[in-house]
Protein backbone atom coordinates (compact mmCIF):
# COMPACT_ATOMS: atom_id res chain seq x y z
CA MET A 1 -15.99 -22.87 -65.21
CA PRO A 2 -13.36 -20.12 -63.21
CA LEU A 3 -14.94 -17.48 -61.14
CA PRO A 4 -15.43 -14.24 -62.64
CA CYS A 5 -13.16 -12.09 -59.74
CA ILE A 6 -10.06 -14.55 -60.92
CA SER A 7 -10.22 -15.25 -64.12
CA PRO A 8 -7.20 -14.35 -66.02
CA ALA A 9 -8.29 -12.40 -69.09
CA PRO A 10 -11.36 -10.88 -69.53
CA PRO A 11 -14.09 -12.30 -71.82
CA SER A 12 -13.94 -10.76 -75.49
CA GLY A 13 -16.38 -8.03 -76.42
CA THR A 14 -16.00 -6.72 -72.93
CA SER A 15 -14.59 -3.63 -70.98
CA GLY A 16 -12.51 -5.37 -68.68
CA ALA A 17 -14.52 -4.39 -65.85
CA LEU A 18 -15.02 -6.59 -63.27
CA PRO A 19 -18.46 -7.30 -62.33
CA ARG A 20 -20.15 -6.00 -59.27
CA PHE A 21 -20.11 -8.51 -56.59
CA ALA A 22 -16.06 -8.48 -56.98
CA ALA A 23 -15.37 -5.57 -56.90
CA ARG A 24 -17.46 -5.07 -53.96
CA ALA A 25 -15.08 -7.51 -52.31
CA ARG A 26 -12.06 -6.02 -53.26
CA THR A 27 -12.66 -2.76 -51.00
CA ARG A 28 -13.99 -5.24 -47.97
CA ALA A 29 -10.31 -6.62 -48.32
CA GLY A 30 -8.97 -4.45 -45.94
CA MET A 31 -9.50 -1.88 -42.74
CA THR A 32 -10.64 1.39 -43.38
CA LEU A 33 -9.01 4.13 -41.35
CA VAL A 34 -12.10 4.70 -38.93
CA GLU A 35 -12.25 0.82 -38.29
CA VAL A 36 -8.49 1.00 -36.74
CA MET A 37 -9.19 4.15 -34.62
CA VAL A 38 -11.82 2.44 -33.16
CA GLY A 39 -9.65 -0.59 -32.53
CA PHE A 40 -7.14 1.86 -30.99
CA LEU A 41 -9.84 3.61 -29.18
CA VAL A 42 -11.41 0.03 -27.36
CA LEU A 43 -7.49 -0.91 -26.98
CA ALA A 44 -6.96 2.34 -25.64
CA LEU A 45 -9.82 2.81 -22.80
CA THR A 46 -9.33 -1.22 -21.61
CA VAL A 47 -5.64 -0.39 -20.88
CA LEU A 48 -6.16 2.90 -18.98
CA SER A 49 -9.27 1.15 -16.64
CA ALA A 50 -7.10 -2.02 -16.19
CA LEU A 51 -4.04 0.64 -15.17
CA SER A 52 -6.42 2.85 -13.18
CA GLY A 53 -6.65 -0.85 -11.27
CA ILE A 54 -3.30 -1.55 -10.13
CA MET A 55 -2.74 2.18 -9.10
CA PHE A 56 -6.27 1.33 -6.70
CA ALA A 57 -4.24 -1.54 -5.94
CA TRP A 58 -1.05 -0.54 -4.87
CA ARG A 59 -2.28 1.99 -2.82
CA VAL A 60 -4.40 -0.02 -0.44
CA SER A 61 -1.39 -2.23 -0.53
CA ASP A 62 0.80 0.67 0.48
CA SER A 63 -1.61 1.77 2.40
CA ASN A 64 -1.88 -1.81 4.39
CA LEU A 65 2.03 -1.92 4.17
CA ARG A 66 2.47 1.75 6.99
CA ALA A 67 -0.43 0.38 9.11
CA VAL A 68 1.14 -3.36 9.55
CA THR A 69 4.47 -1.55 10.14
CA ALA A 70 3.21 0.95 12.62
CA LEU A 71 1.53 -2.00 14.45
CA GLU A 72 5.01 -4.09 14.48
CA ILE A 73 6.42 -1.17 15.93
CA ALA A 74 3.78 -0.66 18.55
CA ARG A 75 4.51 -4.18 19.37
CA SER A 76 7.94 -4.15 19.48
CA VAL A 77 8.01 -1.33 21.90
CA SER A 78 5.39 -3.30 24.15
CA GLU A 79 7.18 -5.99 24.40
CA GLN A 80 10.85 -4.61 25.13
CA ILE A 81 8.56 -2.58 27.75
CA ILE A 82 7.40 -6.38 29.25
CA THR A 83 10.91 -6.92 30.00
CA LEU A 84 12.16 -4.27 31.89
CA ASP A 85 12.67 -4.78 35.56
CA PHE A 86 9.37 -3.36 37.66
CA GLU A 87 10.62 -0.67 39.22
CA THR A 88 12.16 1.06 36.23
CA LEU A 89 8.47 0.98 34.74
CA GLN A 90 8.07 4.34 37.02
CA LEU A 91 10.99 6.07 35.38
CA THR A 92 9.98 8.97 32.96
CA THR A 93 12.28 7.75 30.64
CA LEU A 94 12.76 4.44 29.26
CA PRO A 95 15.43 2.45 28.04
CA VAL A 96 13.02 0.83 25.15
CA ASP A 97 13.62 1.67 21.35
CA LEU A 98 12.77 1.08 17.84
CA PRO A 99 15.64 -0.89 16.24
CA SER A 100 15.46 0.74 12.98
CA SER A 101 15.83 4.37 14.32
CA PRO A 102 17.53 4.46 17.97
CA SER A 103 17.96 7.25 19.79
CA GLY A 104 19.03 5.29 23.05
CA SER A 105 15.29 6.03 25.08
CA MET A 106 11.64 6.38 24.61
CA THR A 107 9.72 9.47 27.35
CA VAL A 108 6.86 8.48 29.09
CA GLY A 109 4.01 10.29 28.55
CA THR A 110 4.53 12.26 24.97
CA TRP A 111 5.77 11.99 21.55
CA ASN A 112 8.40 9.91 20.15
CA ASN A 113 8.42 10.54 16.91
CA ARG A 114 10.53 7.89 14.77
CA SER A 115 10.93 7.29 10.85
CA GLU A 116 10.90 3.91 9.20
CA ASP A 117 12.19 3.59 5.41
CA ILE A 118 9.60 0.54 4.64
CA HIS A 119 10.52 1.04 0.44
CA ASP A 120 13.73 0.50 1.27
CA THR A 121 14.75 3.60 -0.03
CA PRO A 122 17.49 5.71 1.86
CA ALA A 123 17.95 8.29 -0.71
CA ASN A 124 14.00 8.75 -0.38
CA THR A 125 13.27 10.28 2.70
CA ALA A 126 9.51 11.36 1.24
CA ASP A 127 8.03 7.47 1.31
CA ASP A 128 9.50 6.85 4.60
CA LEU A 129 6.11 6.40 7.45
CA ILE A 130 6.58 8.61 9.58
CA VAL A 131 5.66 6.89 13.31
CA GLY A 132 4.79 8.60 16.84
CA VAL A 133 5.40 6.49 19.90
CA TRP A 134 3.42 7.63 22.91
CA PRO A 135 4.06 4.93 25.87
CA GLU A 136 1.73 5.34 29.22
CA ILE A 137 2.47 3.88 32.59
CA GLU A 138 0.15 3.99 35.63
CA VAL A 139 0.78 1.88 38.11
CA THR A 140 -1.24 1.11 40.84
CA GLU A 141 -1.94 -0.95 43.72
CA ASP A 142 -5.23 -2.76 45.74
CA SER A 143 -5.82 -3.19 49.09
CA SER A 144 -3.85 -6.12 49.39
CA GLY A 145 -0.43 -4.39 48.26
CA ALA A 146 -0.57 -6.65 45.15
CA ARG A 147 0.85 -4.12 42.34
CA CYS A 148 0.38 -4.17 38.34
CA ALA A 149 1.07 -1.75 35.77
CA ARG A 150 -0.99 -1.14 32.95
CA VAL A 151 1.11 0.10 29.31
CA VAL A 152 -0.51 1.66 26.74
CA VAL A 153 1.96 2.27 23.90
CA ARG A 154 -0.46 4.90 21.52
CA ILE A 155 0.94 5.30 17.97
CA PHE A 156 0.45 7.48 14.96
CA TRP A 157 1.16 7.60 11.39
CA GLU A 158 1.38 9.15 8.73
CA GLU A 159 -0.52 8.10 5.31
CA ASN A 160 -0.59 9.68 1.75
CA SER A 161 -2.21 7.42 -0.25
CA PHE A 162 -5.63 8.35 -1.92
CA PHE A 163 -4.03 11.89 -2.46
CA THR A 164 -4.35 12.60 0.80
CA ARG A 165 -2.38 12.65 4.12
CA ARG A 166 -4.54 11.08 6.70
CA THR A 167 -3.39 10.95 10.59
CA ARG A 168 -4.08 7.41 11.88
CA GLU A 169 -4.05 6.17 15.05
CA ASP A 170 -4.03 2.98 17.66
CA ALA A 171 -2.79 1.38 20.98
CA VAL A 172 -1.57 -1.45 22.05
CA THR A 173 -2.08 -2.48 26.39
CA ILE A 174 -0.62 -4.63 28.45
CA VAL A 175 -0.44 -5.26 32.01
CA ARG A 176 2.61 -6.22 33.88
CA SER A 177 2.78 -7.44 37.33
CA PRO A 178 6.21 -7.54 39.45
CA VAL A 179 5.71 -11.02 39.93
CA ALA A 180 6.64 -13.15 36.91
CA ALA A 181 3.15 -14.70 35.82
CA TYR A 182 3.10 -18.46 33.63
């Protein structure tokens, strides 16, 4: 016996209306506008939460890139100072500079500001890392006449992550003697 909802012709003597359960099955065949809107709302909330997570990760990554680059600059300057002659360390101007933005020298005991294009966007200077390097050199001599120099390379940089501007600071300390130590 065929099902009433797919019967090709209504039985004789009826008005042609489908039975009650068949009419209900037909109304549930598609999705209502409310169901579609709820689906889009769930999808939008999922995309927004994923996007906010991606943006947070990007900001943290940029902050770490700035910190690592600034410390790499401090390490580079301290390594250049180590290679200098011991007598040169007593000058107020050192022939040391950053390879990326050379000006020829650095003054001891003052901030030497440089900018570093960390995102490789020469046309956009707004995303550059602004770095200040402060080399301090203190030469000491003990009672036996042995001399050594304590070199502190202080560095500061600005972060504009997380919607605020913060200045961060760190330092690298080295000790240099006139006699090479192996």
